[in-house]
């Protein structure tokens, strides 16, 4: 991309037309840069393509979440090992996100287009045809790698096409990506996976086909601004003429020199850390709430099924999506970000307390968990959509030519925070492994309980004398039991006629005893995990609570006003400056 730019020129500049002619009929497909800021309708179209691409990529990333219990059984993974796979995917995302800053110099669109194609093929072909653990891990980590770099490129494109005063609305739509992505995965999971289904491959295939469709759309239609246009700050759409005039004098190479030195500044780093720790609850929910719902809560006498767990997730992610859009629009209307970030953080803390409280009551109902979790993510949506707008404005205040590098700082710190937190999660929620690893035996619990209720005293005799009854079981014909061993058994069973009757009764329930002997170790582990699970999840949610609490004061370092009145005064002053500058340039042009 960079070499093509140097040799061919940009559209609208000398040499561009000749190069397109020499390139033949497909030259328009290779040329991605727009020579001027596009009209509103065209700009909205490009934004829509970016947002849809983001949603689909995140949907593909979260498909494993929707079928996590099935994957654990298919690949014989413990809960801990599954967590480590997710951590590996996030570490790959850290590396990729740091490379995302290169899009400030080499362009953004080809990164998105190439990522869409590769991830689609992984989902459609590679993962569904995997039968062993090692290739599955490699492919899941590869998805995380490509998603990590696109995490930087797509919000950079949204920023490029959006003036600051419409930024929160646009970023609200962009942040639909991760939320709507996990919503789509949960929604499809709740409708295409039955309580007894084992067909996990279908979910990946559906996502792969979807990704290929969006790849074709992006390949045909997605474009980006030329560096001289995007490397400036646009506060309102009225700045368009001024930006295009200034673009003629922009030195792109100079503006993008030493990118990391310019972006690794306290306000950018602190802001990125703040939102990363706030989003611990989001990544916990998006990665593990199907496990959480299906191992902590009961519906009647059984755990929530996988479709029910996905159903709760559908409600909470839908509310999150609505919140991202509504609060983004409201923030643009009143012209401020910080009050929304603080209010969102405080509201999320209140609902986190409710989530912690209800986690301690395993019989909390389906709809109770719907409104509690929806409240958490409604308020985190308020904080996150407005934070994204404020963060890009904070980066622009440093250097608008290095927005992607600033976003790479955020993306790398975000993925690193997620990776570290997820490494800690299985140490805190250690019981989850017992529940998940043994949940396939949940179907045998009713029969085990019935046997124990009906034959409890007889079972107690056997369990009290395991070695004795192990010897007795070696005799197929009771008549062959040595008299001394038989007398010992009668005594252990209660002595005299009672002991003999109990021994005969025990002999009659051999199938039931064999059933318990086979499954009871798993059922005991399942019960132990179920007993400890709520308290351990509560401990982890206190960690998430702390992350949100840390986020709130860190809002202070970011750019932007607290007062809507002062923000509108700034807007009026900016408009007057733009008019004065345009007039000066017009006069200079007339004079020359």
Protein backbone atom coordinates (compact mmCIF):
# COMPACT_ATOMS: atom_id res chain seq x y z
CA UNK A 1 0.00 0.00 0.00
CA UNK A 2 2.76 2.44 0.97
CA UNK A 3 4.76 1.76 -2.23
CA UNK A 4 1.67 2.16 -4.38
CA UNK A 5 1.06 5.52 -2.79
CA UNK A 6 4.55 6.73 -3.49
CA UNK A 7 4.58 5.78 -7.16
CA UNK A 8 1.02 6.18 -8.34
CA UNK A 9 -0.11 9.33 -6.59
CA UNK A 10 -3.50 9.89 -5.04
CA UNK A 11 -6.84 10.30 -6.78
CA UNK A 12 -7.18 13.87 -7.90
CA UNK A 13 -3.38 14.40 -7.95
CA UNK A 14 -1.06 14.31 -10.97
CA UNK A 15 -0.38 10.80 -12.11
CA UNK A 16 -3.40 9.13 -10.55
CA UNK A 17 -5.48 9.09 -13.74
CA UNK A 18 -2.65 7.69 -15.87
CA UNK A 19 -1.98 4.94 -13.31
CA UNK A 20 -5.63 3.92 -13.27
CA UNK A 21 -5.59 3.71 -17.06
CA UNK A 22 -2.44 1.61 -17.04
CA UNK A 23 -3.90 -0.61 -14.30
CA UNK A 24 -6.81 -1.67 -16.46
CA UNK A 25 -10.47 -2.14 -15.51
CA UNK A 26 -9.69 -3.43 -11.98
CA UNK A 27 -7.58 -0.42 -10.97
CA UNK A 28 -10.61 1.07 -9.20
CA UNK A 29 -10.63 -2.00 -6.96
CA UNK A 30 -7.03 -1.48 -5.87
CA UNK A 31 -7.33 2.28 -5.33
CA UNK A 32 -8.87 2.84 -1.89
CA UNK A 33 -8.16 6.49 -1.09
CA UNK A 34 -10.67 9.31 -1.41
CA UNK A 35 -9.15 12.64 -2.54
CA UNK A 36 -11.74 14.72 -0.62
CA UNK A 37 -14.07 14.45 2.35
CA UNK A 38 -17.17 12.59 1.08
CA UNK A 39 -20.73 13.97 1.14
CA UNK A 40 -22.91 13.01 4.09
CA UNK A 41 -24.81 10.12 2.44
CA UNK A 42 -21.61 8.58 1.07
CA UNK A 43 -19.87 9.02 4.43
CA UNK A 44 -22.72 7.27 6.24
CA UNK A 45 -22.47 4.39 3.77
CA UNK A 46 -18.77 3.89 4.49
CA UNK A 47 -19.47 4.06 8.23
CA UNK A 48 -22.21 1.45 7.83
CA UNK A 49 -19.84 -0.94 6.04
CA UNK A 50 -17.21 -0.51 8.78
CA UNK A 51 -19.76 -1.07 11.56
CA UNK A 52 -21.26 -4.17 9.89
CA UNK A 53 -17.76 -5.56 9.35
CA UNK A 54 -16.95 -4.93 13.00
CA UNK A 55 -20.14 -6.65 14.18
CA UNK A 56 -19.51 -9.71 12.01
CA UNK A 57 -15.87 -10.03 13.10
CA UNK A 58 -16.83 -9.88 16.76
CA UNK A 59 -19.70 -12.30 16.17
CA UNK A 60 -17.21 -14.75 14.70
CA UNK A 61 -14.87 -14.19 17.65
CA UNK A 62 -17.63 -15.05 20.13
CA UNK A 63 -19.03 -18.16 18.45
CA UNK A 64 -16.97 -20.38 20.83
CA UNK A 65 -18.70 -18.68 23.77
CA UNK A 66 -22.14 -19.71 22.54
CA UNK A 67 -21.10 -23.37 22.32
CA UNK A 68 -18.49 -23.45 25.10
CA UNK A 69 -19.94 -26.46 27.00
CA UNK A 70 -20.10 -28.45 23.76
CA UNK A 71 -16.50 -27.56 22.87
CA UNK A 72 -15.30 -28.63 26.31
CA UNK A 73 -16.82 -32.07 25.78
CA UNK A 74 -15.77 -32.38 22.14
CA UNK A 75 -12.10 -31.62 22.78
CA UNK A 76 -11.97 -33.02 26.34
CA UNK A 77 -11.00 -29.65 27.74
CA UNK A 78 -11.17 -28.72 31.39
CA UNK A 79 -12.57 -25.30 32.24
CA UNK A 80 -9.03 -24.15 33.10
CA UNK A 81 -7.67 -25.24 29.74
CA UNK A 82 -10.53 -23.51 27.93
CA UNK A 83 -9.70 -20.29 29.79
CA UNK A 84 -6.06 -20.59 28.77
CA UNK A 85 -7.09 -20.91 25.12
CA UNK A 86 -9.06 -17.66 25.43
CA UNK A 87 -6.03 -16.07 27.11
CA UNK A 88 -3.85 -17.21 24.20
CA UNK A 89 -6.29 -15.63 21.77
CA UNK A 90 -6.10 -12.35 23.70
CA UNK A 91 -2.30 -12.41 23.85
CA UNK A 92 -2.26 -12.82 20.07
CA UNK A 93 -4.61 -9.84 19.96
CA UNK A 94 -2.15 -7.77 22.02
CA UNK A 95 0.61 -8.37 19.48
CA UNK A 96 -1.70 -7.69 16.54
CA UNK A 97 -3.17 -4.53 18.10
CA UNK A 98 0.30 -3.03 18.54
CA UNK A 99 0.90 -3.51 14.82
CA UNK A 100 -2.42 -1.78 14.11
CA UNK A 101 -0.73 1.60 14.44
CA UNK A 102 0.99 0.98 11.12
CA UNK A 103 -2.32 1.78 9.42
CA UNK A 104 -1.55 5.46 10.06
CA UNK A 105 1.08 5.11 7.33
CA UNK A 106 -0.07 2.19 5.18
CA UNK A 107 -3.84 2.64 5.17
CA UNK A 108 -6.73 0.97 6.95
CA UNK A 109 -9.08 -0.65 4.45
CA UNK A 110 -6.90 -3.53 3.23
CA UNK A 111 -6.35 -4.58 6.84
CA UNK A 112 -10.11 -4.84 7.33
CA UNK A 113 -10.74 -6.56 4.00
CA UNK A 114 -7.93 -9.09 4.44
CA UNK A 115 -8.97 -9.80 8.01
CA UNK A 116 -12.56 -10.44 6.98
CA UNK A 117 -11.47 -13.01 4.39
CA UNK A 118 -9.02 -14.90 6.61
CA UNK A 119 -11.33 -15.07 9.63
CA UNK A 120 -14.25 -16.19 7.42
CA UNK A 121 -12.20 -19.07 6.02
CA UNK A 122 -11.05 -20.09 9.51
CA UNK A 123 -14.66 -20.18 10.72
CA UNK A 124 -16.11 -21.83 7.63
CA UNK A 125 -13.45 -24.41 6.79
CA UNK A 126 -10.70 -24.79 9.36
CA UNK A 127 -12.46 -24.97 12.74
CA UNK A 128 -15.51 -27.11 11.77
CA UNK A 129 -13.22 -29.75 10.25
CA UNK A 130 -11.00 -29.94 13.32
CA UNK A 131 -11.18 -33.15 15.34
CA UNK A 132 -8.20 -32.79 17.68
CA UNK A 133 -7.33 -30.22 20.31
CA UNK A 134 -4.05 -28.75 19.01
CA UNK A 135 -5.37 -27.52 15.61
CA UNK A 136 -8.51 -26.17 17.32
CA UNK A 137 -6.36 -24.09 19.67
CA UNK A 138 -4.22 -22.79 16.80
CA UNK A 139 -7.24 -21.71 14.77
CA UNK A 140 -8.98 -19.99 17.71
CA UNK A 141 -5.78 -18.09 18.53
CA UNK A 142 -5.44 -17.12 14.85
CA UNK A 143 -8.93 -15.61 14.92
CA UNK A 144 -7.84 -13.58 17.96
CA UNK A 145 -4.71 -12.44 16.11
CA UNK A 146 -6.57 -11.00 13.12
CA UNK A 147 -9.39 -9.61 15.23
CA UNK A 148 -6.77 -7.76 17.32
CA UNK A 149 -5.41 -5.72 14.43
CA UNK A 150 -8.91 -5.01 13.09
CA UNK A 151 -9.80 -3.77 16.59
CA UNK A 152 -7.50 -0.83 15.77
CA UNK A 153 -8.31 -0.32 12.08
CA UNK A 154 -12.11 -0.14 12.31
CA UNK A 155 -12.44 2.55 15.03
CA UNK A 156 -9.74 4.50 13.21
CA UNK A 157 -11.94 4.48 10.08
CA UNK A 158 -14.95 5.54 12.15
CA UNK A 159 -12.96 8.45 13.57
CA UNK A 160 -11.73 9.46 10.08
CA UNK A 161 -15.27 9.72 8.72
CA UNK A 162 -16.78 11.44 11.78
CA UNK A 163 -16.40 15.04 13.00
CA UNK A 164 -15.92 15.39 16.75
CA UNK A 165 -19.47 16.66 17.38
CA UNK A 166 -20.94 13.48 15.94
CA UNK A 167 -18.25 11.22 17.35
CA UNK A 168 -20.12 9.71 20.32
CA UNK A 169 -23.02 8.61 18.09
CA UNK A 170 -20.63 7.04 15.59
CA UNK A 171 -18.56 5.38 18.29
CA UNK A 172 -21.77 4.17 19.90
CA UNK A 173 -22.51 2.36 16.65
CA UNK A 174 -18.91 1.10 16.41
CA UNK A 175 -19.00 -0.26 19.94
CA UNK A 176 -22.01 -2.26 18.79
CA UNK A 177 -19.34 -4.48 17.22
CA UNK A 178 -18.33 -6.49 20.30
CA UNK A 179 -21.76 -6.25 21.92
CA UNK A 180 -23.87 -6.99 18.85
CA UNK A 181 -21.35 -9.66 17.91
CA UNK A 182 -21.85 -11.59 21.13
CA UNK A 183 -25.60 -10.84 20.90
CA UNK A 184 -25.79 -12.46 17.47
CA UNK A 185 -23.78 -15.45 18.69
CA UNK A 186 -26.09 -15.83 21.71
CA UNK A 187 -29.26 -15.29 19.67
CA UNK A 188 -28.34 -17.91 17.10
CA UNK A 189 -27.20 -20.20 19.88
CA UNK A 190 -30.52 -19.90 21.71
CA UNK A 191 -32.46 -20.80 18.53
CA UNK A 192 -30.20 -23.27 16.72
CA UNK A 193 -28.89 -25.31 19.67
CA UNK A 194 -31.28 -27.61 21.48
CA UNK A 195 -30.84 -28.74 25.07
CA UNK A 196 -29.47 -32.07 23.78
CA UNK A 197 -27.61 -30.80 20.71
CA UNK A 198 -23.99 -31.70 20.01
CA UNK A 199 -23.69 -29.95 16.61
CA UNK A 200 -21.22 -27.18 17.47
CA UNK A 201 -19.79 -27.07 13.93
CA UNK A 202 -22.97 -25.52 12.49
CA UNK A 203 -22.45 -22.32 14.50
CA UNK A 204 -18.97 -21.80 13.01
CA UNK A 205 -20.17 -22.56 9.48
CA UNK A 206 -22.98 -20.01 9.72
CA UNK A 207 -20.53 -17.36 10.93
CA UNK A 208 -18.06 -18.22 8.16
CA UNK A 209 -20.66 -17.78 5.42
CA UNK A 210 -21.74 -14.47 6.95
CA UNK A 211 -18.13 -13.30 7.04
CA UNK A 212 -17.61 -14.10 3.34
CA UNK A 213 -20.66 -12.05 2.37
CA UNK A 214 -19.40 -9.02 4.30
CA UNK A 215 -15.90 -9.52 2.85
CA UNK A 216 -17.31 -9.19 -0.68
CA UNK A 217 -19.22 -6.01 0.25
CA UNK A 218 -16.10 -4.46 1.84
CA UNK A 219 -13.91 -5.47 -1.12
CA UNK A 220 -16.26 -3.79 -3.58
CA UNK A 221 -17.25 -0.66 -1.69
CA UNK A 222 -15.10 0.22 1.33
CA UNK A 223 -12.83 3.27 0.89
CA UNK A 224 -10.77 5.51 3.18
CA UNK A 225 -9.68 9.14 3.32
CA UNK A 226 -6.29 10.10 1.97
CA UNK A 227 -3.74 10.82 4.73
CA UNK A 228 -3.73 14.56 4.06
CA UNK A 229 -7.47 14.70 4.76
CA UNK A 230 -7.65 12.34 7.73
CA UNK A 231 -4.53 13.74 9.44
CA UNK A 232 -6.49 16.80 10.60
CA UNK A 233 -9.09 17.46 13.26
CA UNK A 234 -12.66 18.04 12.05
CA UNK A 235 -14.79 19.47 14.83
CA UNK A 236 -17.99 19.88 12.76
CA UNK A 237 -19.02 19.13 9.17
CA UNK A 238 -18.63 22.85 8.44
CA UNK A 239 -14.86 22.30 8.75
CA UNK A 240 -14.85 20.27 5.53
CA UNK A 241 -13.75 23.08 3.20
CA UNK A 242 -11.03 24.24 5.59
CA UNK A 243 -9.69 20.71 6.05
CA UNK A 244 -9.44 20.19 2.30
CA UNK A 245 -7.64 23.51 1.84
CA UNK A 246 -5.17 22.70 4.62
CA UNK A 247 -4.62 19.21 3.19
CA UNK A 248 -2.65 20.67 0.31
CA UNK A 249 0.09 21.71 2.72
CA UNK A 250 0.18 18.68 5.05
CA UNK A 251 3.52 16.88 5.32
CA UNK A 252 2.31 13.33 6.06
CA UNK A 253 5.78 11.88 6.61
CA UNK A 254 6.67 14.54 9.16
CA UNK A 255 3.33 14.24 10.98
CA UNK A 256 3.70 10.49 11.45
CA UNK A 257 7.37 10.46 12.50
CA UNK A 258 8.16 8.72 15.84
CA UNK A 259 4.55 7.56 16.35
CA UNK A 260 5.05 5.66 19.63
CA UNK A 261 7.04 8.49 21.18
CA UNK A 262 4.15 10.82 20.43
CA UNK A 263 1.37 8.51 21.67
CA UNK A 264 2.84 6.92 24.79
CA UNK A 265 1.74 9.84 26.97
CA UNK A 266 0.19 9.74 30.47
CA UNK A 267 -3.31 10.87 29.45
CA UNK A 268 -3.53 8.27 26.67
CA UNK A 269 -2.09 5.42 28.77
CA UNK A 270 -4.18 6.21 31.86
CA UNK A 271 -7.36 6.48 29.78
CA UNK A 272 -6.67 3.16 28.07
CA UNK A 273 -5.96 1.40 31.38
CA UNK A 274 -9.14 2.90 32.88
CA UNK A 275 -11.49 1.51 30.26
CA UNK A 276 -9.61 -1.81 30.15
CA UNK A 277 -10.23 -2.53 33.83
CA UNK A 278 -13.83 -1.32 33.52
CA UNK A 279 -14.40 -3.85 30.74
CA UNK A 280 -13.25 -6.84 32.80
CA UNK A 281 -16.95 -7.55 33.46
CA UNK A 282 -17.72 -7.35 29.72
CA UNK A 283 -15.04 -9.86 28.78
CA UNK A 284 -16.02 -12.10 31.67
CA UNK A 285 -19.63 -12.05 30.48
CA UNK A 286 -18.87 -12.45 26.78
CA UNK A 287 -16.47 -15.32 27.39
CA UNK A 288 -17.94 -17.20 30.33
CA UNK A 289 -21.52 -16.25 31.16
CA UNK A 290 -22.89 -19.35 29.45
CA UNK A 291 -20.72 -21.32 31.87
CA UNK A 292 -21.72 -19.05 34.78
CA UNK A 293 -25.47 -19.33 34.15
CA UNK A 294 -25.34 -23.07 33.55
CA UNK A 295 -23.27 -23.87 36.64
CA UNK A 296 -24.60 -21.49 39.32
CA UNK A 297 -28.33 -21.14 38.77
CA UNK A 298 -31.12 -23.69 38.82
CA UNK A 299 -34.44 -23.69 37.01
CA UNK A 300 -36.57 -26.00 39.12
CA UNK A 301 -34.37 -29.00 39.93
CA UNK A 302 -31.87 -28.65 37.06
CA UNK A 303 -29.28 -26.09 35.95
CA UNK A 304 -30.12 -23.55 33.26
CA UNK A 305 -29.70 -25.28 29.91
CA UNK A 306 -27.36 -23.93 27.24
CA UNK A 307 -30.31 -22.39 25.27
CA UNK A 308 -31.55 -20.74 28.49
CA UNK A 309 -28.07 -19.37 29.25
CA UNK A 310 -27.86 -17.97 25.72
CA UNK A 311 -31.38 -16.57 26.13
CA UNK A 312 -30.37 -14.50 29.17
CA UNK A 313 -27.36 -13.28 27.21
CA UNK A 314 -29.61 -12.21 24.32
CA UNK A 315 -31.60 -9.92 26.63
CA UNK A 316 -28.59 -8.32 28.29
CA UNK A 317 -26.63 -7.78 25.05
CA UNK A 318 -29.73 -6.33 23.36
CA UNK A 319 -30.07 -3.79 26.18
CA UNK A 320 -26.35 -3.05 25.88
CA UNK A 321 -26.74 -2.36 22.13
CA UNK A 322 -29.63 0.05 22.72
CA UNK A 323 -27.65 1.82 25.44
CA UNK A 324 -24.60 2.31 23.20
CA UNK A 325 -26.67 4.07 20.54
CA UNK A 326 -28.98 6.07 22.83
CA UNK A 327 -26.24 7.41 25.11
CA UNK A 328 -23.94 8.13 22.16
CA UNK A 329 -26.64 10.25 20.53
CA UNK A 330 -27.49 12.01 23.82
CA UNK A 331 -23.82 12.79 24.40
CA UNK A 332 -23.59 14.46 20.97
CA UNK A 333 -26.77 16.42 21.62
CA UNK A 334 -25.54 17.90 24.91
CA UNK A 335 -21.92 18.13 23.64
CA UNK A 336 -20.23 16.48 26.66
CA UNK A 337 -18.77 13.05 27.44
CA UNK A 338 -17.47 13.06 31.01
CA UNK A 339 -20.83 13.25 32.87
CA UNK A 340 -22.03 10.21 30.92
CA UNK A 341 -18.85 8.28 31.75
CA UNK A 342 -19.18 8.99 35.47
CA UNK A 343 -22.94 8.30 35.58
CA UNK A 344 -22.43 5.08 33.64
CA UNK A 345 -19.72 3.96 36.03
CA UNK A 346 -21.81 4.69 39.13
CA UNK A 347 -24.89 2.94 37.69
CA UNK A 348 -22.79 -0.10 36.76
CA UNK A 349 -21.44 -0.30 40.31
CA UNK A 350 -24.99 -0.36 41.73
CA UNK A 351 -26.07 -3.19 39.46
CA UNK A 352 -22.82 -5.07 40.10
CA UNK A 353 -23.82 -5.14 43.77
CA UNK A 354 -27.16 -6.66 42.76
CA UNK A 355 -25.39 -9.22 40.56
CA UNK A 356 -23.14 -10.21 43.46
CA UNK A 357 -26.14 -10.51 45.77
CA UNK A 358 -28.16 -12.70 43.39
CA UNK A 359 -25.17 -14.89 42.64
CA UNK A 360 -25.37 -15.94 46.27
CA UNK A 361 -28.90 -17.27 45.68
CA UNK A 362 -28.59 -20.14 43.16
CA UNK A 363 -32.38 -20.36 42.75
CA UNK A 364 -32.74 -16.79 41.40
CA UNK A 365 -35.07 -17.00 38.40
CA UNK A 366 -34.43 -16.58 34.70
CA UNK A 367 -35.99 -13.12 34.41
CA UNK A 368 -34.39 -11.93 37.63
CA UNK A 369 -31.01 -12.55 36.05
CA UNK A 370 -32.18 -10.90 32.84
CA UNK A 371 -32.90 -7.54 34.49
CA UNK A 372 -29.88 -7.61 36.82
CA UNK A 373 -27.35 -8.34 34.06
CA UNK A 374 -29.14 -5.97 31.66
CA UNK A 375 -28.74 -3.17 34.22
CA UNK A 376 -25.00 -3.80 34.48
CA UNK A 377 -24.51 -3.55 30.73
CA UNK A 378 -26.90 -0.65 30.16
CA UNK A 379 -24.70 1.53 32.36
CA UNK A 380 -21.38 0.19 31.06
CA UNK A 381 -22.73 1.05 27.58
CA UNK A 382 -23.29 4.64 28.74
CA UNK A 383 -19.69 4.85 29.95
CA UNK A 384 -18.06 3.02 27.04
CA UNK A 385 -19.68 4.73 24.04
CA UNK A 386 -18.85 8.18 25.39
CA UNK A 387 -15.36 7.05 26.45
CA UNK A 388 -14.55 5.98 22.88
CA UNK A 389 -15.51 9.43 21.60
CA UNK A 390 -13.53 11.17 24.34
CA UNK A 391 -10.50 8.94 23.83
CA UNK A 392 -10.22 9.66 20.09
CA UNK A 393 -10.53 13.36 20.90
CA UNK A 394 -7.77 12.96 23.52
CA UNK A 395 -5.56 11.31 20.88
CA UNK A 396 -6.38 14.00 18.31
CA UNK A 397 -5.29 16.65 20.79
CA UNK A 398 -1.84 15.01 20.73
CA UNK A 399 -1.64 14.38 16.97
CA UNK A 400 -4.59 13.73 14.62
CA UNK A 401 -2.25 12.03 12.15
CA UNK A 402 -1.61 9.19 14.64
CA UNK A 403 -5.11 8.18 15.66
CA UNK A 404 -4.52 4.53 14.76
CA UNK A 405 -1.32 4.50 16.83
CA UNK A 406 -3.24 5.92 19.80
CA UNK A 407 -5.90 3.27 19.29
CA UNK A 408 -3.15 0.64 19.10
CA UNK A 409 -2.01 1.73 22.58
CA UNK A 410 -5.57 1.24 23.79
CA UNK A 411 -6.06 -2.05 21.93
CA UNK A 412 -2.80 -3.51 23.22
CA UNK A 413 -3.47 -2.50 26.84
CA UNK A 414 -7.06 -3.73 26.60
CA UNK A 415 -6.06 -7.17 25.36
CA UNK A 416 -3.21 -7.38 27.88
CA UNK A 417 -5.59 -6.52 30.73
CA UNK A 418 -8.08 -9.12 29.53
CA UNK A 419 -5.37 -11.78 29.20
CA UNK A 420 -4.06 -11.15 32.73
CA UNK A 421 -7.53 -11.06 34.27
CA UNK A 422 -8.54 -14.28 32.55
CA UNK A 423 -5.38 -15.99 33.79
CA UNK A 424 -6.49 -15.09 37.31
CA UNK A 425 -10.17 -16.03 36.81
CA UNK A 426 -9.79 -19.85 37.03
CA UNK A 427 -7.74 -19.43 40.21
CA UNK A 428 -10.61 -17.49 41.79
CA UNK A 429 -13.46 -19.54 40.28
CA UNK A 430 -11.71 -22.90 40.71
CA UNK A 431 -15.00 -24.77 41.32
CA UNK A 432 -16.21 -23.98 37.82
CA UNK A 433 -13.84 -26.62 36.48
CA UNK A 434 -15.46 -29.31 38.66
CA UNK A 435 -18.94 -28.32 37.53
CA UNK A 436 -18.09 -27.95 33.83
CA UNK A 437 -15.93 -31.08 33.68
CA UNK A 438 -18.67 -33.22 35.28
CA UNK A 439 -21.81 -31.48 34.01
CA UNK A 440 -22.42 -34.21 31.44
CA UNK A 441 -23.31 -36.45 34.41
CA UNK A 442 -26.02 -34.04 35.60
CA UNK A 443 -28.60 -36.24 33.81
CA UNK A 444 -27.87 -39.06 36.30
CA UNK A 445 -28.56 -36.94 39.40
CA UNK A 446 -32.33 -37.70 39.61
CA UNK A 447 -31.74 -41.48 39.46
CA UNK A 448 -28.93 -41.29 42.03
CA UNK A 449 -31.11 -39.27 44.40
CA UNK A 450 -33.99 -41.75 44.00
CA UNK A 451 -31.72 -44.72 44.74
CA UNK A 452 -30.25 -43.02 47.80
CA UNK A 453 -33.73 -42.12 49.09
CA UNK A 454 -35.13 -45.64 48.63
CA UNK A 455 -32.11 -47.68 49.72
CA UNK A 456 -30.23 -45.27 51.97
CA UNK A 457 -29.64 -47.66 54.94
CA UNK A 458 -28.49 -50.49 52.68
CA UNK A 459 -26.15 -48.18 50.78
CA UNK A 460 -24.73 -46.92 54.07
CA UNK A 461 -23.83 -50.51 55.07
CA UNK A 462 -21.99 -51.07 51.80
CA UNK A 463 -20.17 -47.72 51.97
CA UNK A 464 -19.10 -48.44 55.58
CA UNK A 465 -17.55 -51.79 54.59
CA UNK A 466 -16.21 -51.34 51.03
CA UNK A 467 -13.47 -54.01 51.22
CA UNK A 468 -15.86 -56.63 52.62
CA UNK A 469 -18.49 -56.12 49.95
CA UNK A 470 -15.81 -56.01 47.26
CA UNK A 471 -14.89 -59.59 48.31
CA UNK A 472 -18.55 -60.66 48.31
CA UNK A 473 -19.06 -59.29 44.77
CA UNK A 474 -16.39 -61.67 43.47
CA UNK A 475 -18.73 -64.63 44.08
CA UNK A 476 -21.28 -64.94 41.30
CA UNK A 477 -23.22 -67.58 43.27
CA UNK A 478 -23.99 -66.60 46.93
CA UNK A 479 -23.85 -70.32 47.88
CA UNK A 480 -20.12 -70.26 47.12
CA UNK A 481 -19.35 -67.61 49.75
CA UNK A 482 -17.11 -69.10 52.51
CA UNK A 483 -18.99 -69.44 55.84
CA UNK A 484 -16.53 -67.23 57.73
CA UNK A 485 -16.86 -64.44 55.15
CA UNK A 486 -20.65 -64.81 55.16
CA UNK A 487 -20.77 -64.58 58.97
CA UNK A 488 -18.61 -61.46 58.84
CA UNK A 489 -20.95 -59.94 56.24
CA UNK A 490 -24.10 -60.74 58.29
CA UNK A 491 -22.54 -59.12 61.35
CA UNK A 492 -21.58 -56.01 59.34
CA UNK A 493 -25.14 -55.83 57.95
CA UNK A 494 -26.71 -55.70 61.44
CA UNK A 495 -26.28 -59.21 62.83
CA UNK A 496 -28.70 -62.11 63.20
CA UNK A 497 -31.86 -62.26 61.10
CA UNK A 498 -31.73 -58.48 60.47
CA UNK A 499 -28.22 -58.80 59.10
CA UNK A 500 -29.18 -61.72 56.87
CA UNK A 501 -32.26 -59.85 55.54
CA UNK A 502 -30.17 -56.78 54.83
CA UNK A 503 -27.57 -58.88 53.06
CA UNK A 504 -30.23 -60.48 50.84
CA UNK A 505 -31.70 -57.04 50.10
CA UNK A 506 -28.26 -55.71 49.17
CA UNK A 507 -27.81 -58.62 46.80
CA UNK A 508 -31.08 -57.70 45.04
CA UNK A 509 -30.04 -54.09 44.39
CA UNK A 510 -26.69 -54.90 42.76
CA UNK A 511 -27.59 -52.93 39.56
CA UNK A 512 -28.37 -49.84 41.62
CA UNK A 513 -25.15 -50.20 43.60
CA UNK A 514 -23.17 -50.68 40.38
CA UNK A 515 -24.76 -47.47 39.01
CA UNK A 516 -23.73 -45.50 42.09
CA UNK A 517 -20.24 -46.98 42.05
CA UNK A 518 -19.80 -45.87 38.43
CA UNK A 519 -21.22 -42.36 38.62
CA UNK A 520 -21.06 -41.26 42.24
CA UNK A 521 -17.47 -39.87 42.09
CA UNK A 522 -18.51 -37.58 39.24
CA UNK A 523 -21.74 -36.61 40.97
CA UNK A 524 -19.90 -35.84 44.21
CA UNK A 525 -17.42 -33.62 42.34
CA UNK A 526 -20.34 -31.94 40.58
CA UNK A 527 -22.05 -31.27 43.89
CA UNK A 528 -18.87 -29.96 45.52
CA UNK A 529 -18.35 -27.58 42.63
CA UNK A 530 -21.98 -26.45 42.72
CA UNK A 531 -21.74 -25.72 46.44
CA UNK A 532 -18.59 -23.60 46.09
CA UNK A 533 -19.37 -21.97 42.71
CA UNK A 534 -21.65 -19.07 43.79
CA UNK A 535 -19.22 -17.75 46.41
CA UNK A 536 -16.27 -17.96 44.02
CA UNK A 537 -18.13 -16.12 41.26
CA UNK A 538 -19.01 -13.46 43.84
CA UNK A 539 -15.29 -13.02 44.57
CA UNK A 540 -14.59 -12.53 40.86
CA UNK A 541 -17.41 -10.02 40.51
CA UNK A 542 -15.84 -8.00 43.31
CA UNK A 543 -12.72 -7.82 41.11
CA UNK A 544 -14.91 -6.55 38.26
CA UNK A 545 -16.55 -4.09 40.66
CA UNK A 546 -13.09 -2.76 41.52
CA UNK A 547 -12.29 -2.29 37.83
CA UNK A 548 -15.35 -0.09 37.34
CA UNK A 549 -14.55 1.86 40.53
CA UNK A 550 -11.02 2.56 39.22
CA UNK A 551 -12.42 3.78 35.89
CA UNK A 552 -14.48 6.63 37.36
CA UNK A 553 -11.72 8.94 38.70
CA UNK A 554 -9.49 8.31 35.67
CA UNK A 555 -12.07 10.13 33.52
CA UNK A 556 -10.48 13.34 34.84
CA UNK A 557 -7.39 13.04 32.60
CA UNK A 558 -9.37 12.98 29.34
CA UNK A 559 -10.20 15.88 27.04
CA UNK A 560 -13.62 17.47 27.03
CA UNK A 561 -15.93 19.69 29.01
CA UNK A 562 -18.14 18.81 31.97
CA UNK A 563 -20.63 21.60 31.29
CA UNK A 564 -22.90 21.50 28.20
CA UNK A 565 -23.03 25.31 28.31
CA UNK A 566 -19.24 25.65 28.13
CA UNK A 567 -19.12 23.02 25.37
CA UNK A 568 -21.57 25.05 23.26
CA UNK A 569 -19.52 28.19 23.84
CA UNK A 570 -16.45 26.30 22.56
CA UNK A 571 -18.45 25.25 19.50
CA UNK A 572 -19.46 28.85 18.71
CA UNK A 573 -15.86 30.03 19.09
CA UNK A 574 -14.69 27.26 16.79
CA UNK A 575 -17.25 28.15 14.11
CA UNK A 576 -16.15 31.79 14.23
CA UNK A 577 -12.52 30.69 13.88
CA UNK A 578 -13.36 28.51 10.87
CA UNK A 579 -15.23 31.34 9.13
CA UNK A 580 -12.35 33.73 9.79
CA UNK A 581 -9.76 31.25 8.51
CA UNK A 582 -11.78 30.51 5.35
CA UNK A 583 -12.13 34.20 4.69
CA UNK A 584 -8.38 34.70 5.15
CA UNK A 585 -7.64 31.87 2.71
CA UNK A 586 -10.11 33.27 0.18
CA UNK A 587 -8.44 36.67 0.35
CA UNK A 588 -5.00 35.12 0.04
CA UNK A 589 -6.19 33.18 -3.01
CA UNK A 590 -7.68 36.31 -4.61
CA UNK A 591 -4.53 38.30 -3.95
CA UNK A 592 -2.34 35.65 -5.56
